[in-house]
PDB file of N, CA and C in Angstrom:
ATOM      1  N   MET A   1       1.493 -12.187   9.066  1.00  0.00           N
ATOM      2  CA  MET A   1       0.464 -12.508  10.040  1.00  0.00           C
ATOM      3  C   MET A   1       1.042 -13.562  10.987  1.00  0.00           C
ATOM      4  N   ASN A   2       0.996 -13.253  12.281  1.00  0.00           N
ATOM      5  CA  ASN A   2       1.505 -14.223  13.250  1.00  0.00           C
ATOM      6  C   ASN A   2       0.434 -15.276  13.562  1.00  0.00           C
ATOM      7  N   GLY A   3       0.771 -16.229  14.416  1.00  0.00           N
ATOM      8  CA  GLY A   3      -0.142 -17.332  14.707  1.00  0.00           C
ATOM      9  C   GLY A   3      -1.443 -16.904  15.369  1.00  0.00           C
ATOM     10  N   THR A   4      -1.364 -15.951  16.292  1.00  0.00           N
ATOM     11  CA  THR A   4      -2.578 -15.470  16.963  1.00  0.00           C
ATOM     12  C   THR A   4      -3.478 -14.741  15.973  1.00  0.00           C
ATOM     13  N   GLU A   5      -2.878 -13.917  15.130  1.00  0.00           N
ATOM     14  CA  GLU A   5      -3.651 -13.210  14.099  1.00  0.00           C
ATOM     15  C   GLU A   5      -4.273 -14.191  13.113  1.00  0.00           C
ATOM     16  N   ALA A   6      -3.527 -15.236  12.744  1.00  0.00           N
ATOM     17  CA  ALA A   6      -4.063 -16.249  11.824  1.00  0.00           C
ATOM     18  C   ALA A   6      -5.246 -16.984  12.454  1.00  0.00           C
ATOM     19  N   ALA A   7      -5.145 -17.292  13.743  1.00  0.00           N
ATOM     20  CA  ALA A   7      -6.260 -17.952  14.435  1.00  0.00           C
ATOM     21  C   ALA A   7      -7.481 -17.038  14.473  1.00  0.00           C
ATOM     22  N   TYR A   8      -7.252 -15.744  14.663  1.00  0.00           N
ATOM     23  CA  TYR A   8      -8.374 -14.807  14.682  1.00  0.00           C
ATOM     24  C   TYR A   8      -8.964 -14.643  13.280  1.00  0.00           C
ATOM     25  N   ALA A   9      -8.132 -14.666  12.252  1.00  0.00           N
ATOM     26  CA  ALA A   9      -8.642 -14.613  10.876  1.00  0.00           C
ATOM     27  C   ALA A   9      -9.545 -15.817  10.609  1.00  0.00           C
ATOM     28  N   TYR A  10      -9.167 -16.978  11.107  1.00  0.00           N
ATOM     29  CA  TYR A  10      -9.999 -18.179  10.983  1.00  0.00           C
ATOM     30  C   TYR A  10     -11.339 -17.962  11.687  1.00  0.00           C
ATOM     31  N   HIS A  11     -11.302 -17.346  12.869  1.00  0.00           N
ATOM     32  CA  HIS A  11     -12.520 -17.001  13.619  1.00  0.00           C
ATOM     33  C   HIS A  11     -13.388 -16.029  12.800  1.00  0.00           C
ATOM     34  N   LEU A  12     -12.755 -15.041  12.183  1.00  0.00           N
ATOM     35  CA  LEU A  12     -13.506 -14.094  11.347  1.00  0.00           C
ATOM     36  C   LEU A  12     -14.082 -14.779  10.114  1.00  0.00           C
ATOM     37  N   ASP A  13     -13.352 -15.745   9.551  1.00  0.00           N
ATOM     38  CA  ASP A  13     -13.889 -16.519   8.416  1.00  0.00           C
ATOM     39  C   ASP A  13     -15.194 -17.206   8.807  1.00  0.00           C
ATOM     40  N   ALA A  14     -15.221 -17.794  10.001  1.00  0.00           N
ATOM     41  CA  ALA A  14     -16.434 -18.467  10.481  1.00  0.00           C
ATOM     42  C   ALA A  14     -17.564 -17.461  10.681  1.00  0.00           C
ATOM     43  N   ARG A  15     -17.242 -16.294  11.211  1.00  0.00           N
ATOM     44  CA  ARG A  15     -18.264 -15.250  11.396  1.00  0.00           C
ATOM     45  C   ARG A  15     -18.784 -14.754  10.045  1.00  0.00           C
ATOM     46  N   GLN A  16     -17.896 -14.692   9.065  1.00  0.00           N
ATOM     47  CA  GLN A  16     -18.315 -14.269   7.725  1.00  0.00           C
ATOM     48  C   GLN A  16     -19.220 -15.328   7.093  1.00  0.00           C
ATOM     49  N   ALA A  17     -18.870 -16.594   7.248  1.00  0.00           N
ATOM     50  CA  ALA A  17     -19.683 -17.688   6.695  1.00  0.00           C
ATOM     51  C   ALA A  17     -21.079 -17.712   7.309  1.00  0.00           C
ATOM     52  N   SER A  18     -21.178 -17.328   8.588  1.00  0.00           N
ATOM     53  CA  SER A  18     -22.487 -17.304   9.251  1.00  0.00           C
ATOM     54  C   SER A  18     -23.180 -15.940   9.109  1.00  0.00           C
ATOM     55  N   ARG A  19     -22.575 -15.062   8.350  1.00  0.00           N
ATOM     56  CA  ARG A  19     -23.113 -13.724   8.037  1.00  0.00           C
ATOM     57  C   ARG A  19     -23.189 -12.790   9.239  1.00  0.00           C
ATOM     58  N   GLU A  20     -22.373 -13.058  10.251  1.00  0.00           N
ATOM     59  CA  GLU A  20     -22.269 -12.121  11.381  1.00  0.00           C
ATOM     60  C   GLU A  20     -21.508 -10.872  10.974  1.00  0.00           C
ATOM     61  N   ILE A  21     -20.594 -11.034  10.000  1.00  0.00           N
ATOM     62  CA  ILE A  21     -19.858  -9.908   9.436  1.00  0.00           C
ATOM     63  C   ILE A  21     -19.925 -10.026   7.919  1.00  0.00           C
ATOM     64  N   LEU A  22     -19.725  -8.893   7.231  1.00  0.00           N
ATOM     65  CA  LEU A  22     -19.712  -8.931   5.764  1.00  0.00           C
ATOM     66  C   LEU A  22     -18.356  -9.347   5.231  1.00  0.00           C
ATOM     67  N   ARG A  23     -17.317  -8.683   5.738  1.00  0.00           N
ATOM     68  CA  ARG A  23     -15.960  -8.978   5.268  1.00  0.00           C
ATOM     69  C   ARG A  23     -14.956  -8.384   6.238  1.00  0.00           C
ATOM     70  N   TYR A  24     -13.689  -8.719   5.994  1.00  0.00           N
ATOM     71  CA  TYR A  24     -12.625  -8.141   6.808  1.00  0.00           C
ATOM     72  C   TYR A  24     -11.365  -8.025   5.978  1.00  0.00           C
ATOM     73  N   TRP A  25     -10.474  -7.143   6.429  1.00  0.00           N
ATOM     74  CA  TRP A  25      -9.198  -6.924   5.771  1.00  0.00           C
ATOM     75  C   TRP A  25      -8.106  -6.941   6.833  1.00  0.00           C
ATOM     76  N   PHE A  26      -6.938  -7.458   6.474  1.00  0.00           N
ATOM     77  CA  PHE A  26      -5.805  -7.522   7.395  1.00  0.00           C
ATOM     78  C   PHE A  26      -4.844  -6.370   7.113  1.00  0.00           C
ATOM     79  N   GLU A  27      -4.523  -5.607   8.143  1.00  0.00           N
ATOM     80  CA  GLU A  27      -3.566  -4.488   8.082  1.00  0.00           C
ATOM     81  C   GLU A  27      -3.782  -3.603   6.853  1.00  0.00           C
ATOM     82  N   SER A  28      -5.026  -3.208   6.621  1.00  0.00           N
ATOM     83  CA  SER A  28      -5.359  -2.453   5.410  1.00  0.00           C
ATOM     84  C   SER A  28      -5.473  -0.947   5.626  1.00  0.00           C
ATOM     85  N   MET A  29      -5.438  -0.481   6.867  1.00  0.00           N
ATOM     86  CA  MET A  29      -5.545   0.950   7.167  1.00  0.00           C
ATOM     87  C   MET A  29      -4.453   1.349   8.152  1.00  0.00           C
ATOM     88  N   THR A  30      -3.996   2.581   8.006  1.00  0.00           N
ATOM     89  CA  THR A  30      -3.066   3.147   8.976  1.00  0.00           C
ATOM     90  C   THR A  30      -3.626   4.482   9.444  1.00  0.00           C
ATOM     91  N   PHE A  31      -3.635   4.679  10.744  1.00  0.00           N
ATOM     92  CA  PHE A  31      -4.140   5.911  11.343  1.00  0.00           C
ATOM     93  C   PHE A  31      -2.964   6.771  11.801  1.00  0.00           C
ATOM     94  N   ARG A  32      -3.044   8.063  11.539  1.00  0.00           N
ATOM     95  CA  ARG A  32      -2.053   9.009  12.043  1.00  0.00           C
ATOM     96  C   ARG A  32      -2.561   9.503  13.392  1.00  0.00           C
ATOM     97  N   LEU A  33      -1.856   9.169  14.452  1.00  0.00           N
ATOM     98  CA  LEU A  33      -2.273   9.551  15.800  1.00  0.00           C
ATOM     99  C   LEU A  33      -1.687  10.890  16.232  1.00  0.00           C
ATOM    100  N   ALA A  34      -0.490  11.183  15.749  1.00  0.00           N
ATOM    101  CA  ALA A  34       0.214  12.434  16.063  1.00  0.00           C
ATOM    102  C   ALA A  34       1.386  12.526  15.095  1.00  0.00           C
ATOM    103  N   ASP A  35       2.087  13.638  15.114  1.00  0.00           N
ATOM    104  CA  ASP A  35       3.268  13.759  14.263  1.00  0.00           C
ATOM    105  C   ASP A  35       4.238  12.630  14.594  1.00  0.00           C
ATOM    106  N   GLY A  36       4.586  11.851  13.594  1.00  0.00           N
ATOM    107  CA  GLY A  36       5.537  10.763  13.775  1.00  0.00           C
ATOM    108  C   GLY A  36       4.985   9.535  14.473  1.00  0.00           C
ATOM    109  N   CYS A  37       3.694   9.486  14.718  1.00  0.00           N
ATOM    110  CA  CYS A  37       3.100   8.330  15.402  1.00  0.00           C
ATOM    111  C   CYS A  37       1.943   7.780  14.579  1.00  0.00           C
ATOM    112  N   ARG A  38       2.103   6.561  14.120  1.00  0.00           N
ATOM    113  CA  ARG A  38       1.089   5.906  13.301  1.00  0.00           C
ATOM    114  C   ARG A  38       0.638   4.612  13.978  1.00  0.00           C
ATOM    115  N   TYR A  39      -0.569   4.181  13.614  1.00  0.00           N
ATOM    116  CA  TYR A  39      -1.131   2.941  14.165  1.00  0.00           C
ATOM    117  C   TYR A  39      -1.797   2.170  13.035  1.00  0.00           C
ATOM    118  N   THR A  40      -1.331   0.948  12.800  1.00  0.00           N
ATOM    119  CA  THR A  40      -1.921   0.057  11.804  1.00  0.00           C
ATOM    120  C   THR A  40      -2.560  -1.108  12.549  1.00  0.00           C
ATOM    121  N   PRO A  41      -3.887  -1.110  12.641  1.00  0.00           N
ATOM    122  CA  PRO A  41      -4.568  -2.200  13.352  1.00  0.00           C
ATOM    123  C   PRO A  41      -4.522  -3.498  12.558  1.00  0.00           C
ATOM    124  N   ASP A  42      -4.732  -4.594  13.248  1.00  0.00           N
ATOM    125  CA  ASP A  42      -4.679  -5.904  12.602  1.00  0.00           C
ATOM    126  C   ASP A  42      -5.815  -6.108  11.607  1.00  0.00           C
ATOM    127  N   PHE A  43      -7.043  -5.853  12.023  1.00  0.00           N
ATOM    128  CA  PHE A  43      -8.192  -6.153  11.163  1.00  0.00           C
ATOM    129  C   PHE A  43      -9.170  -4.987  11.105  1.00  0.00           C
ATOM    130  N   VAL A  44      -9.641  -4.713   9.900  1.00  0.00           N
ATOM    131  CA  VAL A  44     -10.768  -3.816   9.672  1.00  0.00           C
ATOM    132  C   VAL A  44     -11.933  -4.737   9.327  1.00  0.00           C
ATOM    133  N   VAL A  45     -13.027  -4.627  10.072  1.00  0.00           N
ATOM    134  CA  VAL A  45     -14.150  -5.555   9.936  1.00  0.00           C
ATOM    135  C   VAL A  45     -15.409  -4.765   9.583  1.00  0.00           C
ATOM    136  N   GLN A  46     -16.073  -5.169   8.498  1.00  0.00           N
ATOM    137  CA  GLN A  46     -17.330  -4.533   8.118  1.00  0.00           C
ATOM    138  C   GLN A  46     -18.495  -5.388   8.591  1.00  0.00           C
ATOM    139  N   MET A  47     -19.383  -4.755   9.343  1.00  0.00           N
ATOM    140  CA  MET A  47     -20.553  -5.427   9.896  1.00  0.00           C
ATOM    141  C   MET A  47     -21.696  -5.416   8.873  1.00  0.00           C
ATOM    142  N   PRO A  48     -22.718  -6.253   9.043  1.00  0.00           N
ATOM    143  CA  PRO A  48     -23.834  -6.308   8.085  1.00  0.00           C
ATOM    144  C   PRO A  48     -24.550  -4.974   7.880  1.00  0.00           C
ATOM    145  N   ASP A  49     -24.554  -4.115   8.901  1.00  0.00           N
ATOM    146  CA  ASP A  49     -25.207  -2.804   8.761  1.00  0.00           C
ATOM    147  C   ASP A  49     -24.291  -1.760   8.127  1.00  0.00           C
ATOM    148  N   GLY A  50     -23.089  -2.189   7.718  1.00  0.00           N
ATOM    149  CA  GLY A  50     -22.132  -1.289   7.088  1.00  0.00           C
ATOM    150  C   GLY A  50     -21.150  -0.658   8.055  1.00  0.00           C
ATOM    151  N   MET A  51     -21.412  -0.755   9.347  1.00  0.00           N
ATOM    152  CA  MET A  51     -20.513  -0.186  10.350  1.00  0.00           C
ATOM    153  C   MET A  51     -19.135  -0.841  10.259  1.00  0.00           C
ATOM    154  N   ILE A  52     -18.114  -0.043  10.490  1.00  0.00           N
ATOM    155  CA  ILE A  52     -16.738  -0.534  10.465  1.00  0.00           C
ATOM    156  C   ILE A  52     -16.227  -0.655  11.893  1.00  0.00           C
ATOM    157  N   GLU A  53     -15.645  -1.796  12.197  1.00  0.00           N
ATOM    158  CA  GLU A  53     -14.973  -2.020  13.475  1.00  0.00           C
ATOM    159  C   GLU A  53     -13.491  -2.233  13.215  1.00  0.00           C
ATOM    160  N   ILE A  54     -12.678  -1.812  14.157  1.00  0.00           N
ATOM    161  CA  ILE A  54     -11.237  -2.006  14.104  1.00  0.00           C
ATOM    162  C   ILE A  54     -10.884  -3.015  15.194  1.00  0.00           C
ATOM    163  N   HIS A  55     -10.292  -4.145  14.799  1.00  0.00           N
ATOM    164  CA  HIS A  55      -9.953  -5.210  15.749  1.00  0.00           C
ATOM    165  C   HIS A  55      -8.432  -5.327  15.865  1.00  0.00           C
ATOM    166  N   GLU A  56      -7.930  -5.217  17.067  1.00  0.00           N
ATOM    167  CA  GLU A  56      -6.509  -5.376  17.362  1.00  0.00           C
ATOM    168  C   GLU A  56      -6.334  -6.639  18.191  1.00  0.00           C
ATOM    169  N   VAL A  57      -5.515  -7.564  17.701  1.00  0.00           N
ATOM    170  CA  VAL A  57      -5.347  -8.883  18.313  1.00  0.00           C
ATOM    171  C   VAL A  57      -3.973  -8.974  18.976  1.00  0.00           C
ATOM    172  N   LYS A  58      -3.961  -9.401  20.222  1.00  0.00           N
ATOM    173  CA  LYS A  58      -2.703  -9.569  20.954  1.00  0.00           C
ATOM    174  C   LYS A  58      -2.732 -10.861  21.757  1.00  0.00           C
ATOM    175  N   GLY A  59      -1.559 -11.489  21.894  1.00  0.00           N
ATOM    176  CA  GLY A  59      -1.416 -12.610  22.806  1.00  0.00           C
ATOM    177  C   GLY A  59      -1.441 -12.098  24.238  1.00  0.00           C
ATOM    178  N   HIS A  60      -0.809 -10.941  24.453  1.00  0.00           N
ATOM    179  CA  HIS A  60      -0.882 -10.205  25.719  1.00  0.00           C
ATOM    180  C   HIS A  60      -0.695  -8.728  25.376  1.00  0.00           C
ATOM    181  N   TRP A  61      -1.249  -7.863  26.198  1.00  0.00           N
ATOM    182  CA  TRP A  61      -1.248  -6.433  25.907  1.00  0.00           C
ATOM    183  C   TRP A  61      -0.120  -5.721  26.647  1.00  0.00           C
ATOM    184  N   GLU A  62       0.671  -4.967  25.885  1.00  0.00           N
ATOM    185  CA  GLU A  62       1.694  -4.085  26.449  1.00  0.00           C
ATOM    186  C   GLU A  62       1.078  -2.697  26.601  1.00  0.00           C
ATOM    187  N   ASP A  63       1.626  -1.893  27.495  1.00  0.00           N
ATOM    188  CA  ASP A  63       1.078  -0.558  27.746  1.00  0.00           C
ATOM    189  C   ASP A  63       1.041   0.315  26.494  1.00  0.00           C
ATOM    190  N   ASP A  64       2.104   0.256  25.667  1.00  0.00           N
ATOM    191  CA  ASP A  64       2.141   1.122  24.484  1.00  0.00           C
ATOM    192  C   ASP A  64       1.039   0.766  23.488  1.00  0.00           C
ATOM    193  N   ALA A  65       0.724  -0.505  23.350  1.00  0.00           N
ATOM    194  CA  ALA A  65      -0.347  -0.922  22.439  1.00  0.00           C
ATOM    195  C   ALA A  65      -1.704  -0.454  22.955  1.00  0.00           C
ATOM    196  N   LEU A  66      -1.908  -0.523  24.259  1.00  0.00           N
ATOM    197  CA  LEU A  66      -3.163  -0.038  24.848  1.00  0.00           C
ATOM    198  C   LEU A  66      -3.319   1.465  24.659  1.00  0.00           C
ATOM    199  N   VAL A  67      -2.233   2.207  24.824  1.00  0.00           N
ATOM    200  CA  VAL A  67      -2.286   3.657  24.631  1.00  0.00           C
ATOM    201  C   VAL A  67      -2.672   3.973  23.195  1.00  0.00           C
ATOM    202  N   LYS A  68      -2.060   3.297  22.231  1.00  0.00           N
ATOM    203  CA  LYS A  68      -2.365   3.574  20.822  1.00  0.00           C
ATOM    204  C   LYS A  68      -3.826   3.304  20.486  1.00  0.00           C
ATOM    205  N   ILE A  69      -4.365   2.184  20.927  1.00  0.00           N
ATOM    206  CA  ILE A  69      -5.755   1.872  20.583  1.00  0.00           C
ATOM    207  C   ILE A  69      -6.710   2.843  21.289  1.00  0.00           C
ATOM    208  N   LYS A  70      -6.377   3.260  22.511  1.00  0.00           N
ATOM    209  CA  LYS A  70      -7.219   4.228  23.217  1.00  0.00           C
ATOM    210  C   LYS A  70      -7.196   5.590  22.529  1.00  0.00           C
ATOM    211  N   VAL A  71      -6.025   6.039  22.108  1.00  0.00           N
ATOM    212  CA  VAL A  71      -5.911   7.318  21.400  1.00  0.00           C
ATOM    213  C   VAL A  71      -6.664   7.249  20.082  1.00  0.00           C
ATOM    214  N   ALA A  72      -6.485   6.165  19.342  1.00  0.00           N
ATOM    215  CA  ALA A  72      -7.189   6.006  18.065  1.00  0.00           C
ATOM    216  C   ALA A  72      -8.699   6.029  18.271  1.00  0.00           C
ATOM    217  N   ALA A  73      -9.177   5.374  19.316  1.00  0.00           N
ATOM    218  CA  ALA A  73     -10.619   5.345  19.597  1.00  0.00           C
ATOM    219  C   ALA A  73     -11.153   6.740  19.910  1.00  0.00           C
ATOM    220  N   ASP A  74     -10.332   7.573  20.529  1.00  0.00           N
ATOM    221  CA  ASP A  74     -10.747   8.948  20.822  1.00  0.00           C
ATOM    222  C   ASP A  74     -10.749   9.833  19.575  1.00  0.00           C
ATOM    223  N   LEU A  75      -9.875   9.533  18.624  1.00  0.00           N
ATOM    224  CA  LEU A  75      -9.710  10.393  17.452  1.00  0.00           C
ATOM    225  C   LEU A  75     -10.597  10.037  16.266  1.00  0.00           C
ATOM    226  N   PHE A  76     -10.957   8.767  16.115  1.00  0.00           N
ATOM    227  CA  PHE A  76     -11.604   8.320  14.882  1.00  0.00           C
ATOM    228  C   PHE A  76     -12.973   7.697  15.154  1.00  0.00           C
ATOM    229  N   PRO A  77     -13.901   7.857  14.197  1.00  0.00           N
ATOM    230  CA  PRO A  77     -15.297   7.434  14.410  1.00  0.00           C
ATOM    231  C   PRO A  77     -15.570   5.965  14.100  1.00  0.00           C
ATOM    232  N   PHE A  78     -14.775   5.094  14.677  1.00  0.00           N
ATOM    233  CA  PHE A  78     -14.957   3.658  14.500  1.00  0.00           C
ATOM    234  C   PHE A  78     -15.062   3.008  15.875  1.00  0.00           C
ATOM    235  N   ARG A  79     -15.608   1.820  15.907  1.00  0.00           N
ATOM    236  CA  ARG A  79     -15.597   1.023  17.134  1.00  0.00           C
ATOM    237  C   ARG A  79     -14.268   0.267  17.155  1.00  0.00           C
ATOM    238  N   PHE A  80     -13.482   0.483  18.199  1.00  0.00           N
ATOM    239  CA  PHE A  80     -12.192  -0.185  18.343  1.00  0.00           C
ATOM    240  C   PHE A  80     -12.350  -1.328  19.334  1.00  0.00           C
ATOM    241  N   ILE A  81     -11.901  -2.516  18.922  1.00  0.00           N
ATOM    242  CA  ILE A  81     -12.054  -3.733  19.706  1.00  0.00           C
ATOM    243  C   ILE A  81     -10.667  -4.333  19.968  1.00  0.00           C
ATOM    244  N   ALA A  82     -10.335  -4.511  21.244  1.00  0.00           N
ATOM    245  CA  ALA A  82      -9.105  -5.203  21.633  1.00  0.00           C
ATOM    246  C   ALA A  82      -9.454  -6.669  21.851  1.00  0.00           C
ATOM    247  N   VAL A  83      -8.714  -7.546  21.203  1.00  0.00           N
ATOM    248  CA  VAL A  83      -9.002  -8.980  21.255  1.00  0.00           C
ATOM    249  C   VAL A  83      -7.777  -9.708  21.795  1.00  0.00           C
ATOM    250  N   GLN A  84      -8.000 -10.594  22.753  1.00  0.00           N
ATOM    251  CA  GLN A  84      -6.914 -11.399  23.306  1.00  0.00           C
ATOM    252  C   GLN A  84      -7.340 -12.854  23.329  1.00  0.00           C
ATOM    253  N   LYS A  85      -6.450 -13.718  22.865  1.00  0.00           N
ATOM    254  CA  LYS A  85      -6.741 -15.150  22.830  1.00  0.00           C
ATOM    255  C   LYS A  85      -6.767 -15.715  24.254  1.00  0.00           C
ATOM    256  N   ILE A  86      -7.781 -16.526  24.531  1.00  0.00           N
ATOM    257  CA  ILE A  86      -7.898 -17.213  25.820  1.00  0.00           C
ATOM    258  C   ILE A  86      -7.280 -18.603  25.664  1.00  0.00           C
ATOM    259  N   ALA A  87      -6.412 -18.984  26.570  1.00  0.00           N
ATOM    260  CA  ALA A  87      -5.739 -20.287  26.496  1.00  0.00           C
ATOM    261  C   ALA A  87      -6.758 -21.423  26.513  1.00  0.00           C
ATOM    262  N   GLN A  88      -6.432 -22.501  25.813  1.00  0.00           N
ATOM    263  CA  GLN A  88      -7.319 -23.677  25.760  1.00  0.00           C
ATOM    264  C   GLN A  88      -7.623 -24.217  27.153  1.00  0.00           C
ATOM    265  N   LYS A  89      -6.599 -24.234  28.023  1.00  0.00           N
ATOM    266  CA  LYS A  89      -6.811 -24.763  29.375  1.00  0.00           C
ATOM    267  C   LYS A  89      -7.773 -23.894  30.185  1.00  0.00           C
ATOM    268  N   ALA A  90      -7.994 -22.651  29.719  1.00  0.00           N
ATOM    269  CA  ALA A  90      -8.945 -21.744  30.377  1.00  0.00           C
ATOM    270  C   ALA A  90     -10.275 -21.688  29.626  1.00  0.00           C
ATOM    271  N   GLY A  91     -10.443 -22.582  28.670  1.00  0.00           N
ATOM    272  CA  GLY A  91     -11.704 -22.651  27.934  1.00  0.00           C
ATOM    273  C   GLY A  91     -11.636 -22.216  26.487  1.00  0.00           C
ATOM    274  N   GLY A  92     -10.539 -21.547  26.098  1.00  0.00           N
ATOM    275  CA  GLY A  92     -10.377 -21.118  24.710  1.00  0.00           C
ATOM    276  C   GLY A  92     -11.280 -19.950  24.343  1.00  0.00           C
ATOM    277  N   GLY A  93     -11.182 -19.550  23.103  1.00  0.00           N
ATOM    278  CA  GLY A  93     -11.992 -18.445  22.602  1.00  0.00           C
ATOM    279  C   GLY A  93     -11.240 -17.131  22.627  1.00  0.00           C
ATOM    280  N   TRP A  94     -11.997 -16.041  22.678  1.00  0.00           N
ATOM    281  CA  TRP A  94     -11.430 -14.704  22.576  1.00  0.00           C
ATOM    282  C   TRP A  94     -12.029 -13.787  23.637  1.00  0.00           C
ATOM    283  N   ALA A  95     -11.168 -13.080  24.353  1.00  0.00           N
ATOM    284  CA  ALA A  95     -11.609 -12.031  25.273  1.00  0.00           C
ATOM    285  C   ALA A  95     -11.661 -10.736  24.476  1.00  0.00           C
ATOM    286  N   VAL A  96     -12.749  -9.993  24.628  1.00  0.00           N
ATOM    287  CA  VAL A  96     -12.969  -8.791  23.832  1.00  0.00           C
ATOM    288  C   VAL A  96     -13.181  -7.600  24.757  1.00  0.00           C
ATOM    289  N   ARG A  97     -12.532  -6.497  24.409  1.00  0.00           N
ATOM    290  CA  ARG A  97     -12.681  -5.247  25.158  1.00  0.00           C
ATOM    291  C   ARG A  97     -12.926  -4.130  24.153  1.00  0.00           C
ATOM    292  N   GLU A  98     -13.980  -3.387  24.351  1.00  0.00           N
ATOM    293  CA  GLU A  98     -14.333  -2.320  23.408  1.00  0.00           C
ATOM    294  C   GLU A  98     -13.893  -0.963  23.941  1.00  0.00           C
ATOM    295  N   PHE A  99     -13.419  -0.117  23.015  1.00  0.00           N
ATOM    296  CA  PHE A  99     -13.006   1.250  23.368  1.00  0.00           C
ATOM    297  C   PHE A  99     -13.906   2.245  22.669  1.00  0.00           C
TER     298      PHE A  99
END
């Protein structure tokens, strides 16, 4: 787990403590997108209603990572969330984009 992922895990811990989420797992699922192409998201997050969200955390997004999360969102029945850390000088927190 890199530093950005660790910071997001801390954020998820706070959400779990406040019961916004039930639980989460780090790199616990791998999706087959095509022959020879796999995608392992950073976090699988279970919501209080049982719904599963897939959270992918990046310091900055490269085109190949965006393509993978978009393809996965088209193929699988989960909510896919792209998360990017906002710099402290810009107010901090997390920018979220749903697919």
